[in-house]
PDB file of all heavy atoms in Angstrom:
ATOM      1  N   PRO A   1     -14.383   2.638   2.705  1.00  0.00           N
ATOM      2  CA  PRO A   1     -13.632   1.433   2.319  1.00  0.00           C
ATOM      3  C   PRO A   1     -13.831   1.091   0.848  1.00  0.00           C
ATOM      4  O   PRO A   1     -14.859   1.394   0.250  1.00  0.00           O
ATOM      5  CB  PRO A   1     -14.243   0.337   3.207  1.00  0.00           C
ATOM      6  CG  PRO A   1     -14.957   1.056   4.299  1.00  0.00           C
ATOM      7  CD  PRO A   1     -15.393   2.367   3.727  1.00  0.00           C
ATOM      8  N   PHE A   2     -12.818   0.481   0.264  1.00  0.00           N
ATOM      9  CA  PHE A   2     -12.920  -0.025  -1.099  1.00  0.00           C
ATOM     10  C   PHE A   2     -12.215  -1.375  -1.149  1.00  0.00           C
ATOM     11  O   PHE A   2     -11.389  -1.691  -0.302  1.00  0.00           O
ATOM     12  CB  PHE A   2     -12.326   0.960  -2.119  1.00  0.00           C
ATOM     13  CG  PHE A   2     -10.864   1.276  -1.921  1.00  0.00           C
ATOM     14  CD1 PHE A   2      -9.873   0.562  -2.601  1.00  0.00           C
ATOM     15  CD2 PHE A   2     -10.469   2.297  -1.062  1.00  0.00           C
ATOM     16  CE1 PHE A   2      -8.539   0.855  -2.426  1.00  0.00           C
ATOM     17  CE2 PHE A   2      -9.125   2.596  -0.887  1.00  0.00           C
ATOM     18  CZ  PHE A   2      -8.157   1.877  -1.568  1.00  0.00           C
ATOM     19  N   VAL A   3     -12.600  -2.186  -2.112  1.00  0.00           N
ATOM     20  CA  VAL A   3     -12.044  -3.536  -2.235  1.00  0.00           C
ATOM     21  C   VAL A   3     -11.184  -3.605  -3.482  1.00  0.00           C
ATOM     22  O   VAL A   3     -11.590  -3.148  -4.554  1.00  0.00           O
ATOM     23  CB  VAL A   3     -13.169  -4.601  -2.299  1.00  0.00           C
ATOM     24  CG1 VAL A   3     -12.591  -6.000  -2.505  1.00  0.00           C
ATOM     25  CG2 VAL A   3     -14.021  -4.553  -1.039  1.00  0.00           C
ATOM     26  N   ARG A   4      -9.985  -4.155  -3.330  1.00  0.00           N
ATOM     27  CA  ARG A   4      -9.076  -4.349  -4.460  1.00  0.00           C
ATOM     28  C   ARG A   4      -8.441  -5.720  -4.333  1.00  0.00           C
ATOM     29  O   ARG A   4      -7.858  -6.030  -3.292  1.00  0.00           O
ATOM     30  CB  ARG A   4      -8.007  -3.250  -4.463  1.00  0.00           C
ATOM     31  CG  ARG A   4      -7.102  -3.289  -5.672  1.00  0.00           C
ATOM     32  CD  ARG A   4      -6.169  -2.092  -5.692  1.00  0.00           C
ATOM     33  NE  ARG A   4      -6.901  -0.862  -5.931  1.00  0.00           N
ATOM     34  CZ  ARG A   4      -6.447   0.340  -5.612  1.00  0.00           C
ATOM     35  NH1 ARG A   4      -5.291   0.477  -5.031  1.00  0.00           N
ATOM     36  NH2 ARG A   4      -7.173   1.415  -5.869  1.00  0.00           N
ATOM     37  N   HIS A   5      -8.575  -6.534  -5.372  1.00  0.00           N
ATOM     38  CA  HIS A   5      -8.023  -7.895  -5.380  1.00  0.00           C
ATOM     39  C   HIS A   5      -8.492  -8.702  -4.173  1.00  0.00           C
ATOM     40  O   HIS A   5      -7.716  -9.456  -3.574  1.00  0.00           O
ATOM     41  CB  HIS A   5      -6.494  -7.870  -5.437  1.00  0.00           C
ATOM     42  CG  HIS A   5      -5.936  -7.033  -6.561  1.00  0.00           C
ATOM     43  ND1 HIS A   5      -6.192  -7.305  -7.886  1.00  0.00           N
ATOM     44  CD2 HIS A   5      -5.169  -5.908  -6.539  1.00  0.00           C
ATOM     45  CE1 HIS A   5      -5.585  -6.389  -8.640  1.00  0.00           C
ATOM     46  NE2 HIS A   5      -4.972  -5.534  -7.851  1.00  0.00           N
ATOM     47  N   GLY A   6      -9.757  -8.514  -3.782  1.00  0.00           N
ATOM     48  CA  GLY A   6     -10.325  -9.277  -2.678  1.00  0.00           C
ATOM     49  C   GLY A   6      -9.954  -8.764  -1.302  1.00  0.00           C
ATOM     50  O   GLY A   6     -10.379  -9.316  -0.289  1.00  0.00           O
ATOM     51  N   ARG A   7      -9.177  -7.695  -1.236  1.00  0.00           N
ATOM     52  CA  ARG A   7      -8.751  -7.125   0.045  1.00  0.00           C
ATOM     53  C   ARG A   7      -9.502  -5.820   0.305  1.00  0.00           C
ATOM     54  O   ARG A   7      -9.674  -5.015  -0.607  1.00  0.00           O
ATOM     55  CB  ARG A   7      -7.241  -6.863   0.045  1.00  0.00           C
ATOM     56  CG  ARG A   7      -6.452  -8.143  -0.184  1.00  0.00           C
ATOM     57  CD  ARG A   7      -4.980  -7.898  -0.361  1.00  0.00           C
ATOM     58  NE  ARG A   7      -4.285  -9.175  -0.475  1.00  0.00           N
ATOM     59  CZ  ARG A   7      -2.984  -9.315  -0.416  1.00  0.00           C
ATOM     60  NH1 ARG A   7      -2.206  -8.256  -0.254  1.00  0.00           N
ATOM     61  NH2 ARG A   7      -2.433 -10.514  -0.513  1.00  0.00           N
ATOM     62  N   THR A   8      -9.932  -5.618   1.544  1.00  0.00           N
ATOM     63  CA  THR A   8     -10.671  -4.409   1.898  1.00  0.00           C
ATOM     64  C   THR A   8      -9.715  -3.364   2.453  1.00  0.00           C
ATOM     65  O   THR A   8      -8.996  -3.621   3.427  1.00  0.00           O
ATOM     66  CB  THR A   8     -11.761  -4.720   2.938  1.00  0.00           C
ATOM     67  OG1 THR A   8     -12.631  -5.722   2.400  1.00  0.00           O
ATOM     68  CG2 THR A   8     -12.565  -3.473   3.278  1.00  0.00           C
ATOM     69  N   PHE A   9      -9.699  -2.189   1.828  1.00  0.00           N
ATOM     70  CA  PHE A   9      -8.843  -1.085   2.251  1.00  0.00           C
ATOM     71  C   PHE A   9      -9.717  -0.019   2.913  1.00  0.00           C
ATOM     72  O   PHE A   9     -10.703   0.422   2.320  1.00  0.00           O
ATOM     73  CB  PHE A   9      -8.123  -0.460   1.054  1.00  0.00           C
ATOM     74  CG  PHE A   9      -7.065  -1.334   0.450  1.00  0.00           C
ATOM     75  CD1 PHE A   9      -7.410  -2.427  -0.348  1.00  0.00           C
ATOM     76  CD2 PHE A   9      -5.719  -1.070   0.659  1.00  0.00           C
ATOM     77  CE1 PHE A   9      -6.437  -3.234  -0.915  1.00  0.00           C
ATOM     78  CE2 PHE A   9      -4.743  -1.869   0.091  1.00  0.00           C
ATOM     79  CZ  PHE A   9      -5.096  -2.958  -0.692  1.00  0.00           C
ATOM     80  N   VAL A  10      -9.332   0.391   4.115  1.00  0.00           N
ATOM     81  CA  VAL A  10     -10.031   1.469   4.812  1.00  0.00           C
ATOM     82  C   VAL A  10      -9.063   2.643   4.907  1.00  0.00           C
ATOM     83  O   VAL A  10      -8.092   2.593   5.671  1.00  0.00           O
ATOM     84  CB  VAL A  10     -10.476   1.032   6.233  1.00  0.00           C
ATOM     85  CG1 VAL A  10     -11.242   2.161   6.919  1.00  0.00           C
ATOM     86  CG2 VAL A  10     -11.308  -0.239   6.182  1.00  0.00           C
ATOM     87  N   PRO A  11      -9.267   3.712   4.107  1.00  0.00           N
ATOM     88  CA  PRO A  11      -8.352   4.854   4.162  1.00  0.00           C
ATOM     89  C   PRO A  11      -8.442   5.554   5.520  1.00  0.00           C
ATOM     90  O   PRO A  11      -9.533   5.806   6.022  1.00  0.00           O
ATOM     91  CB  PRO A  11      -8.853   5.779   3.055  1.00  0.00           C
ATOM     92  CG  PRO A  11      -9.809   4.969   2.244  1.00  0.00           C
ATOM     93  CD  PRO A  11     -10.335   3.899   3.135  1.00  0.00           C
ATOM     94  N   LEU A  12      -7.286   5.850   6.096  1.00  0.00           N
ATOM     95  CA  LEU A  12      -7.249   6.532   7.400  1.00  0.00           C
ATOM     96  C   LEU A  12      -6.739   7.957   7.255  1.00  0.00           C
ATOM     97  O   LEU A  12      -6.650   8.680   8.237  1.00  0.00           O
ATOM     98  CB  LEU A  12      -6.365   5.745   8.382  1.00  0.00           C
ATOM     99  CG  LEU A  12      -6.807   4.296   8.622  1.00  0.00           C
ATOM    100  CD1 LEU A  12      -5.819   3.581   9.528  1.00  0.00           C
ATOM    101  CD2 LEU A  12      -8.211   4.247   9.212  1.00  0.00           C
ATOM    102  N   THR A  13      -6.383   8.339   6.051  1.00  0.00           N
ATOM    103  CA  THR A  13      -5.979   9.716   5.765  1.00  0.00           C
ATOM    104  C   THR A  13      -6.832  10.212   4.614  1.00  0.00           C
ATOM    105  O   THR A  13      -7.364   9.419   3.848  1.00  0.00           O
ATOM    106  CB  THR A  13      -4.484   9.785   5.354  1.00  0.00           C
ATOM    107  OG1 THR A  13      -4.236   8.799   4.360  1.00  0.00           O
ATOM    108  CG2 THR A  13      -3.565   9.568   6.531  1.00  0.00           C
ATOM    109  N   ARG A  14      -6.955  11.521   4.495  1.00  0.00           N
ATOM    110  CA  ARG A  14      -7.793  12.052   3.417  1.00  0.00           C
ATOM    111  C   ARG A  14      -7.040  13.029   2.536  1.00  0.00           C
ATOM    112  O   ARG A  14      -7.605  13.662   1.681  1.00  0.00           O
ATOM    113  CB  ARG A  14      -9.052  12.695   3.994  1.00  0.00           C
ATOM    114  CG  ARG A  14      -8.798  13.764   5.018  1.00  0.00           C
ATOM    115  CD  ARG A  14     -10.126  14.263   5.578  1.00  0.00           C
ATOM    116  NE  ARG A  14      -9.914  15.190   6.672  1.00  0.00           N
ATOM    117  CZ  ARG A  14     -10.867  15.590   7.479  1.00  0.00           C
ATOM    118  NH1 ARG A  14     -12.087  15.139   7.319  1.00  0.00           N
ATOM    119  NH2 ARG A  14     -10.607  16.436   8.442  1.00  0.00           N
ATOM    120  N   ARG A  15      -5.743  13.134   2.764  1.00  0.00           N
ATOM    121  CA  ARG A  15      -4.939  14.057   1.974  1.00  0.00           C
ATOM    122  C   ARG A  15      -4.353  13.337   0.772  1.00  0.00           C
ATOM    123  O   ARG A  15      -3.685  12.322   0.928  1.00  0.00           O
ATOM    124  CB  ARG A  15      -3.817  14.574   2.878  1.00  0.00           C
ATOM    125  CG  ARG A  15      -2.856  15.505   2.260  1.00  0.00           C
ATOM    126  CD  ARG A  15      -1.832  15.949   3.315  1.00  0.00           C
ATOM    127  NE  ARG A  15      -0.526  16.008   2.692  1.00  0.00           N
ATOM    128  CZ  ARG A  15       0.467  15.179   2.955  1.00  0.00           C
ATOM    129  NH1 ARG A  15       0.325  14.231   3.840  1.00  0.00           N
ATOM    130  NH2 ARG A  15       1.610  15.298   2.349  1.00  0.00           N
ATOM    131  N   PRO A  16      -4.574  13.818  -0.466  1.00  0.00           N
ATOM    132  CA  PRO A  16      -3.981  13.141  -1.620  1.00  0.00           C
ATOM    133  C   PRO A  16      -2.480  13.360  -1.664  1.00  0.00           C
ATOM    134  O   PRO A  16      -1.982  14.408  -1.276  1.00  0.00           O
ATOM    135  CB  PRO A  16      -4.669  13.805  -2.813  1.00  0.00           C
ATOM    136  CG  PRO A  16      -5.129  15.121  -2.315  1.00  0.00           C
ATOM    137  CD  PRO A  16      -5.381  14.974  -0.833  1.00  0.00           C
ATOM    138  N   GLY A  17      -1.747  12.353  -2.133  1.00  0.00           N
ATOM    139  CA  GLY A  17      -0.298  12.448  -2.230  1.00  0.00           C
ATOM    140  C   GLY A  17       0.361  12.307  -0.874  1.00  0.00           C
ATOM    141  O   GLY A  17      -0.289  12.274   0.170  1.00  0.00           O
ATOM    142  N   GLY A  18       1.676  12.208  -0.851  1.00  0.00           N
ATOM    143  CA  GLY A  18       2.413  12.076   0.401  1.00  0.00           C
ATOM    144  C   GLY A  18       2.099  10.771   1.094  1.00  0.00           C
ATOM    145  O   GLY A  18       1.624   9.811   0.494  1.00  0.00           O
ATOM    146  N   LEU A  19       2.388  10.720   2.396  1.00  0.00           N
ATOM    147  CA  LEU A  19       2.155   9.503   3.159  1.00  0.00           C
ATOM    148  C   LEU A  19       0.670   9.186   3.245  1.00  0.00           C
ATOM    149  O   LEU A  19      -0.145  10.063   3.513  1.00  0.00           O
ATOM    150  CB  LEU A  19       2.722   9.642   4.575  1.00  0.00           C
ATOM    151  CG  LEU A  19       4.235   9.727   4.685  1.00  0.00           C
ATOM    152  CD1 LEU A  19       4.657   9.961   6.128  1.00  0.00           C
ATOM    153  CD2 LEU A  19       4.886   8.463   4.156  1.00  0.00           C
ATOM    154  N   GLN A  20       0.327   7.927   3.015  1.00  0.00           N
ATOM    155  CA  GLN A  20      -1.057   7.469   3.087  1.00  0.00           C
ATOM    156  C   GLN A  20      -1.152   6.365   4.130  1.00  0.00           C
ATOM    157  O   GLN A  20      -0.262   5.518   4.233  1.00  0.00           O
ATOM    158  CB  GLN A  20      -1.517   6.919   1.734  1.00  0.00           C
ATOM    159  CG  GLN A  20      -1.479   7.923   0.602  1.00  0.00           C
ATOM    160  CD  GLN A  20      -2.491   9.047   0.787  1.00  0.00           C
ATOM    161  OE1 GLN A  20      -3.652   8.803   1.077  1.00  0.00           O
ATOM    162  NE2 GLN A  20      -2.045  10.279   0.626  1.00  0.00           N
ATOM    163  N   ALA A  21      -2.227   6.370   4.923  1.00  0.00           N
ATOM    164  CA  ALA A  21      -2.441   5.342   5.949  1.00  0.00           C
ATOM    165  C   ALA A  21      -3.713   4.565   5.627  1.00  0.00           C
ATOM    166  O   ALA A  21      -4.723   5.147   5.248  1.00  0.00           O
ATOM    167  CB  ALA A  21      -2.566   5.990   7.328  1.00  0.00           C
ATOM    168  N   TYR A  22      -3.633   3.244   5.774  1.00  0.00           N
ATOM    169  CA  TYR A  22      -4.773   2.371   5.522  1.00  0.00           C
ATOM    170  C   TYR A  22      -4.835   1.280   6.587  1.00  0.00           C
ATOM    171  O   TYR A  22      -3.811   0.846   7.095  1.00  0.00           O
ATOM    172  CB  TYR A  22      -4.647   1.644   4.164  1.00  0.00           C
ATOM    173  CG  TYR A  22      -4.637   2.531   2.966  1.00  0.00           C
ATOM    174  CD1 TYR A  22      -3.435   2.981   2.427  1.00  0.00           C
ATOM    175  CD2 TYR A  22      -5.823   2.905   2.345  1.00  0.00           C
ATOM    176  CE1 TYR A  22      -3.422   3.795   1.308  1.00  0.00           C
ATOM    177  CE2 TYR A  22      -5.809   3.713   1.219  1.00  0.00           C
ATOM    178  CZ  TYR A  22      -4.610   4.160   0.704  1.00  0.00           C
ATOM    179  OH  TYR A  22      -4.603   4.960  -0.401  1.00  0.00           O
ATOM    180  N   LYS A  23      -6.046   0.831   6.864  1.00  0.00           N
ATOM    181  CA  LYS A  23      -6.240  -0.444   7.537  1.00  0.00           C
ATOM    182  C   LYS A  23      -6.666  -1.395   6.425  1.00  0.00           C
ATOM    183  O   LYS A  23      -7.551  -1.070   5.633  1.00  0.00           O
ATOM    184  CB  LYS A  23      -7.329  -0.368   8.603  1.00  0.00           C
ATOM    185  CG  LYS A  23      -7.594  -1.719   9.257  1.00  0.00           C
ATOM    186  CD  LYS A  23      -8.711  -1.628  10.280  1.00  0.00           C
ATOM    187  CE  LYS A  23      -9.033  -3.013  10.823  1.00  0.00           C
ATOM    188  NZ  LYS A  23     -10.164  -2.971  11.771  1.00  0.00           N
ATOM    189  N   ILE A  24      -6.002  -2.547   6.349  1.00  0.00           N
ATOM    190  CA  ILE A  24      -6.319  -3.520   5.303  1.00  0.00           C
ATOM    191  C   ILE A  24      -6.783  -4.817   5.952  1.00  0.00           C
ATOM    192  O   ILE A  24      -6.156  -5.295   6.903  1.00  0.00           O
ATOM    193  CB  ILE A  24      -5.094  -3.820   4.407  1.00  0.00           C
ATOM    194  CG1 ILE A  24      -4.455  -2.523   3.920  1.00  0.00           C
ATOM    195  CG2 ILE A  24      -5.486  -4.694   3.229  1.00  0.00           C
ATOM    196  CD1 ILE A  24      -3.158  -2.734   3.169  1.00  0.00           C
ATOM    197  N   VAL A  25      -7.890  -5.353   5.464  1.00  0.00           N
ATOM    198  CA  VAL A  25      -8.383  -6.653   5.917  1.00  0.00           C
ATOM    199  C   VAL A  25      -8.166  -7.627   4.760  1.00  0.00           C
ATOM    200  O   VAL A  25      -8.679  -7.420   3.651  1.00  0.00           O
ATOM    201  CB  VAL A  25      -9.870  -6.594   6.316  1.00  0.00           C
ATOM    202  CG1 VAL A  25     -10.346  -7.965   6.794  1.00  0.00           C
ATOM    203  CG2 VAL A  25     -10.096  -5.534   7.394  1.00  0.00           C
ATOM    204  N   ILE A  26      -7.372  -8.674   5.034  1.00  0.00           N
ATOM    205  CA  ILE A  26      -6.981  -9.627   3.995  1.00  0.00           C
ATOM    206  C   ILE A  26      -7.526 -11.006   4.336  1.00  0.00           C
ATOM    207  O   ILE A  26      -7.218 -11.542   5.401  1.00  0.00           O
ATOM    208  CB  ILE A  26      -5.440  -9.677   3.864  1.00  0.00           C
ATOM    209  CG1 ILE A  26      -4.896  -8.272   3.580  1.00  0.00           C
ATOM    210  CG2 ILE A  26      -5.008 -10.672   2.788  1.00  0.00           C
ATOM    211  CD1 ILE A  26      -3.378  -8.179   3.594  1.00  0.00           C
ATOM    212  N   PRO A  27      -8.346 -11.591   3.454  1.00  0.00           N
ATOM    213  CA  PRO A  27      -8.860 -12.941   3.722  1.00  0.00           C
ATOM    214  C   PRO A  27      -7.739 -13.972   3.626  1.00  0.00           C
ATOM    215  O   PRO A  27      -6.672 -13.702   3.074  1.00  0.00           O
ATOM    216  CB  PRO A  27      -9.903 -13.150   2.618  1.00  0.00           C
ATOM    217  CG  PRO A  27      -9.488 -12.234   1.517  1.00  0.00           C
ATOM    218  CD  PRO A  27      -8.798 -11.063   2.156  1.00  0.00           C
ATOM    219  N   VAL A  28      -7.992 -15.163   4.156  1.00  0.00           N
ATOM    220  CA  VAL A  28      -7.014 -16.244   4.111  1.00  0.00           C
ATOM    221  C   VAL A  28      -6.735 -16.623   2.659  1.00  0.00           C
ATOM    222  O   VAL A  28      -7.655 -16.731   1.840  1.00  0.00           O
ATOM    223  CB  VAL A  28      -7.531 -17.472   4.897  1.00  0.00           C
ATOM    224  CG1 VAL A  28      -6.550 -18.640   4.814  1.00  0.00           C
ATOM    225  CG2 VAL A  28      -7.789 -17.098   6.347  1.00  0.00           C
ATOM    226  N   ASP A  29      -5.449 -16.799   2.336  1.00  0.00           N
ATOM    227  CA  ASP A  29      -5.071 -17.221   0.984  1.00  0.00           C
ATOM    228  C   ASP A  29      -5.647 -18.603   0.696  1.00  0.00           C
ATOM    229  O   ASP A  29      -5.611 -19.482   1.563  1.00  0.00           O
ATOM    230  CB  ASP A  29      -3.546 -17.278   0.846  1.00  0.00           C
ATOM    231  CG  ASP A  29      -2.896 -15.901   0.960  1.00  0.00           C
ATOM    232  OD1 ASP A  29      -3.566 -14.900   0.659  1.00  0.00           O
ATOM    233  OD2 ASP A  29      -1.715 -15.842   1.365  1.00  0.00           O
ATOM    234  N   PRO A  30      -6.150 -18.829  -0.516  1.00  0.00           N
ATOM    235  CA  PRO A  30      -6.650 -20.163  -0.871  1.00  0.00           C
ATOM    236  C   PRO A  30      -5.515 -21.188  -0.814  1.00  0.00           C
ATOM    237  O   PRO A  30      -4.353 -20.834  -1.014  1.00  0.00           O
ATOM    238  CB  PRO A  30      -7.165 -20.004  -2.306  1.00  0.00           C
ATOM    239  CG  PRO A  30      -7.184 -18.545  -2.583  1.00  0.00           C
ATOM    240  CD  PRO A  30      -6.275 -17.874  -1.609  1.00  0.00           C
ATOM    241  N   PRO A  31      -5.825 -22.459  -0.558  1.00  0.00           N
ATOM    242  CA  PRO A  31      -4.785 -23.488  -0.525  1.00  0.00           C
ATOM    243  C   PRO A  31      -3.986 -23.523  -1.821  1.00  0.00           C
ATOM    244  O   PRO A  31      -4.543 -23.434  -2.907  1.00  0.00           O
ATOM    245  CB  PRO A  31      -5.575 -24.796  -0.344  1.00  0.00           C
ATOM    246  CG  PRO A  31      -6.890 -24.374   0.215  1.00  0.00           C
ATOM    247  CD  PRO A  31      -7.158 -23.001  -0.309  1.00  0.00           C
ATOM    248  N   GLY A  32      -2.679 -23.595  -1.685  1.00  0.00           N
ATOM    249  CA  GLY A  32      -1.800 -23.661  -2.856  1.00  0.00           C
ATOM    250  C   GLY A  32      -1.577 -22.335  -3.558  1.00  0.00           C
ATOM    251  O   GLY A  32      -0.853 -22.267  -4.537  1.00  0.00           O
ATOM    252  N   HIS A  33      -2.178 -21.251  -3.045  1.00  0.00           N
ATOM    253  CA  HIS A  33      -2.046 -19.936  -3.693  1.00  0.00           C
ATOM    254  C   HIS A  33      -0.665 -19.348  -3.439  1.00  0.00           C
ATOM    255  O   HIS A  33      -0.218 -19.285  -2.303  1.00  0.00           O
ATOM    256  CB  HIS A  33      -3.127 -18.984  -3.164  1.00  0.00           C
ATOM    257  CG  HIS A  33      -2.989 -17.589  -3.667  1.00  0.00           C
ATOM    258  ND1 HIS A  33      -3.271 -17.226  -4.961  1.00  0.00           N
ATOM    259  CD2 HIS A  33      -2.595 -16.444  -3.040  1.00  0.00           C
ATOM    260  CE1 HIS A  33      -3.073 -15.933  -5.118  1.00  0.00           C
ATOM    261  NE2 HIS A  33      -2.660 -15.440  -3.963  1.00  0.00           N
ATOM    262  N   GLU A  34       0.021 -18.915  -4.474  1.00  0.00           N
ATOM    263  CA  GLU A  34       1.311 -18.244  -4.354  1.00  0.00           C
ATOM    264  C   GLU A  34       1.145 -16.817  -4.859  1.00  0.00           C
ATOM    265  O   GLU A  34       0.858 -16.606  -6.032  1.00  0.00           O
ATOM    266  CB  GLU A  34       2.356 -18.942  -5.219  1.00  0.00           C
ATOM    267  CG  GLU A  34       3.405 -19.806  -4.542  1.00  0.00           C
ATOM    268  CD  GLU A  34       3.851 -19.444  -3.144  1.00  0.00           C
ATOM    269  OE1 GLU A  34       4.465 -18.373  -2.949  1.00  0.00           O
ATOM    270  OE2 GLU A  34       3.591 -20.226  -2.227  1.00  0.00           O
ATOM    271  N   VAL A  35       1.291 -15.864  -3.945  1.00  0.00           N
ATOM    272  CA  VAL A  35       1.174 -14.464  -4.376  1.00  0.00           C
ATOM    273  C   VAL A  35       2.397 -14.079  -5.189  1.00  0.00           C
ATOM    274  O   VAL A  35       3.501 -14.535  -4.919  1.00  0.00           O
ATOM    275  CB  VAL A  35       1.017 -13.503  -3.158  1.00  0.00           C
ATOM    276  CG1 VAL A  35      -0.331 -13.651  -2.515  1.00  0.00           C
ATOM    277  CG2 VAL A  35       2.118 -13.702  -2.143  1.00  0.00           C
ATOM    278  N   GLN A  36       2.173 -13.282  -6.220  1.00  0.00           N
ATOM    279  CA  GLN A  36       3.254 -12.827  -7.084  1.00  0.00           C
ATOM    280  C   GLN A  36       3.886 -11.566  -6.496  1.00  0.00           C
ATOM    281  O   GLN A  36       3.187 -10.661  -6.064  1.00  0.00           O
ATOM    282  CB  GLN A  36       2.718 -12.518  -8.489  1.00  0.00           C
ATOM    283  CG  GLN A  36       2.113 -13.718  -9.202  1.00  0.00           C
ATOM    284  CD  GLN A  36       3.151 -14.801  -9.442  1.00  0.00           C
ATOM    285  OE1 GLN A  36       4.235 -14.524  -9.947  1.00  0.00           O
ATOM    286  NE2 GLN A  36       2.830 -16.026  -9.062  1.00  0.00           N
ATOM    287  N   THR A  37       5.206 -11.526  -6.484  1.00  0.00           N
ATOM    288  CA  THR A  37       5.885 -10.332  -5.985  1.00  0.00           C
ATOM    289  C   THR A  37       5.856  -9.247  -7.048  1.00  0.00           C
ATOM    290  O   THR A  37       5.748  -9.524  -8.244  1.00  0.00           O
ATOM    291  CB  THR A  37       7.346 -10.637  -5.595  1.00  0.00           C
ATOM    292  OG1 THR A  37       8.032 -11.134  -6.734  1.00  0.00           O
ATOM    293  CG2 THR A  37       7.422 -11.643  -4.461  1.00  0.00           C
ATOM    294  N   GLY A  38       5.938  -8.031  -6.592  1.00  0.00           N
ATOM    295  CA  GLY A  38       5.980  -6.883  -7.489  1.00  0.00           C
ATOM    296  C   GLY A  38       6.840  -5.803  -6.858  1.00  0.00           C
ATOM    297  O   GLY A  38       7.155  -5.869  -5.660  1.00  0.00           O
ATOM    298  N   ALA A  39       7.253  -4.834  -7.635  1.00  0.00           N
ATOM    299  CA  ALA A  39       8.078  -3.734  -7.132  1.00  0.00           C
ATOM    300  C   ALA A  39       7.574  -2.428  -7.734  1.00  0.00           C
ATOM    301  O   ALA A  39       7.053  -2.413  -8.849  1.00  0.00           O
ATOM    302  CB  ALA A  39       9.539  -3.959  -7.496  1.00  0.00           C
ATOM    303  N   HIS A  40       7.692  -1.349  -6.974  1.00  0.00           N
ATOM    304  CA  HIS A  40       7.260  -0.037  -7.445  1.00  0.00           C
ATOM    305  C   HIS A  40       7.906   1.020  -6.571  1.00  0.00           C
ATOM    306  O   HIS A  40       8.483   0.706  -5.516  1.00  0.00           O
ATOM    307  CB  HIS A  40       5.725   0.082  -7.383  1.00  0.00           C
ATOM    308  CG  HIS A  40       5.139  -0.323  -6.068  1.00  0.00           C
ATOM    309  ND1 HIS A  40       5.033   0.554  -5.006  1.00  0.00           N
ATOM    310  CD2 HIS A  40       4.661  -1.513  -5.626  1.00  0.00           C
ATOM    311  CE1 HIS A  40       4.502  -0.077  -3.968  1.00  0.00           C
ATOM    312  NE2 HIS A  40       4.269  -1.343  -4.316  1.00  0.00           N
ATOM    313  N   GLU A  41       7.837   2.263  -6.985  1.00  0.00           N
ATOM    314  CA  GLU A  41       8.376   3.362  -6.189  1.00  0.00           C
ATOM    315  C   GLU A  41       7.640   3.445  -4.858  1.00  0.00           C
ATOM    316  O   GLU A  41       6.432   3.236  -4.804  1.00  0.00           O
ATOM    317  CB  GLU A  41       8.213   4.700  -6.927  1.00  0.00           C
ATOM    318  CG  GLU A  41       9.193   4.910  -8.049  1.00  0.00           C
ATOM    319  CD  GLU A  41      10.625   5.042  -7.575  1.00  0.00           C
ATOM    320  OE1 GLU A  41      10.871   5.677  -6.529  1.00  0.00           O
ATOM    321  OE2 GLU A  41      11.519   4.487  -8.246  1.00  0.00           O
ATOM    322  N   GLY A  42       8.342   3.759  -3.794  1.00  0.00           N
ATOM    323  CA  GLY A  42       7.687   3.978  -2.512  1.00  0.00           C
ATOM    324  C   GLY A  42       8.415   3.339  -1.352  1.00  0.00           C
ATOM    325  O   GLY A  42       9.466   2.711  -1.506  1.00  0.00           O
ATOM    326  N   TYR A  43       7.838   3.527  -0.187  1.00  0.00           N
ATOM    327  CA  TYR A  43       8.365   2.975   1.055  1.00  0.00           C
ATOM    328  C   TYR A  43       7.163   2.607   1.902  1.00  0.00           C
ATOM    329  O   TYR A  43       6.185   3.353   1.941  1.00  0.00           O
ATOM    330  CB  TYR A  43       9.230   4.028   1.777  1.00  0.00           C
ATOM    331  CG  TYR A  43      10.262   3.410   2.675  1.00  0.00           C
ATOM    332  CD1 TYR A  43      11.506   3.019   2.172  1.00  0.00           C
ATOM    333  CD2 TYR A  43      10.001   3.191   4.019  1.00  0.00           C
ATOM    334  CE1 TYR A  43      12.455   2.430   2.990  1.00  0.00           C
ATOM    335  CE2 TYR A  43      10.939   2.604   4.840  1.00  0.00           C
ATOM    336  CZ  TYR A  43      12.167   2.226   4.326  1.00  0.00           C
ATOM    337  OH  TYR A  43      13.096   1.639   5.138  1.00  0.00           O
ATOM    338  N   GLU A  44       7.185   1.435   2.540  1.00  0.00           N
ATOM    339  CA  GLU A  44       6.010   0.969   3.263  1.00  0.00           C
ATOM    340  C   GLU A  44       6.353   0.526   4.682  1.00  0.00           C
ATOM    341  O   GLU A  44       7.417  -0.030   4.936  1.00  0.00           O
ATOM    342  CB  GLU A  44       5.343  -0.184   2.507  1.00  0.00           C
ATOM    343  CG  GLU A  44       3.978  -0.557   3.065  1.00  0.00           C
ATOM    344  CD  GLU A  44       3.109  -1.283   2.044  1.00  0.00           C
ATOM    345  OE1 GLU A  44       3.547  -1.470   0.895  1.00  0.00           O
ATOM    346  OE2 GLU A  44       1.980  -1.645   2.402  1.00  0.00           O
ATOM    347  N   TRP A  45       5.415   0.772   5.590  1.00  0.00           N
ATOM    348  CA  TRP A  45       5.507   0.368   6.994  1.00  0.00           C
ATOM    349  C   TRP A  45       4.232  -0.402   7.302  1.00  0.00           C
ATOM    350  O   TRP A  45       3.139   0.077   7.006  1.00  0.00           O
ATOM    351  CB  TRP A  45       5.616   1.623   7.856  1.00  0.00           C
ATOM    352  CG  TRP A  45       5.686   1.433   9.336  1.00  0.00           C
ATOM    353  CD1 TRP A  45       6.809   1.307  10.098  1.00  0.00           C
ATOM    354  CD2 TRP A  45       4.576   1.406  10.259  1.00  0.00           C
ATOM    355  NE1 TRP A  45       6.471   1.188  11.427  1.00  0.00           N
ATOM    356  CE2 TRP A  45       5.110   1.239  11.550  1.00  0.00           C
ATOM    357  CE3 TRP A  45       3.200   1.481  10.099  1.00  0.00           C
ATOM    358  CZ2 TRP A  45       4.305   1.162  12.685  1.00  0.00           C
ATOM    359  CZ3 TRP A  45       2.402   1.409  11.221  1.00  0.00           C
ATOM    360  CH2 TRP A  45       2.957   1.250  12.497  1.00  0.00           C
TER     361      TRP A  45
END
C-alpha cells in the first residue's frame, strides 16, 4: 500500500502498464471541503 493525498491505495495487480486494479480507502472529507475536478487520459471503473 501507498498513500497519496491522504488516500490509501492497495495495488491488486503487479503488471506495469495496461489495466491497473486498486483498492482505495478514502477518509471522510473535511467539512466544507470541495474536491477539485481534473481530467486525464484513461478510462475508470
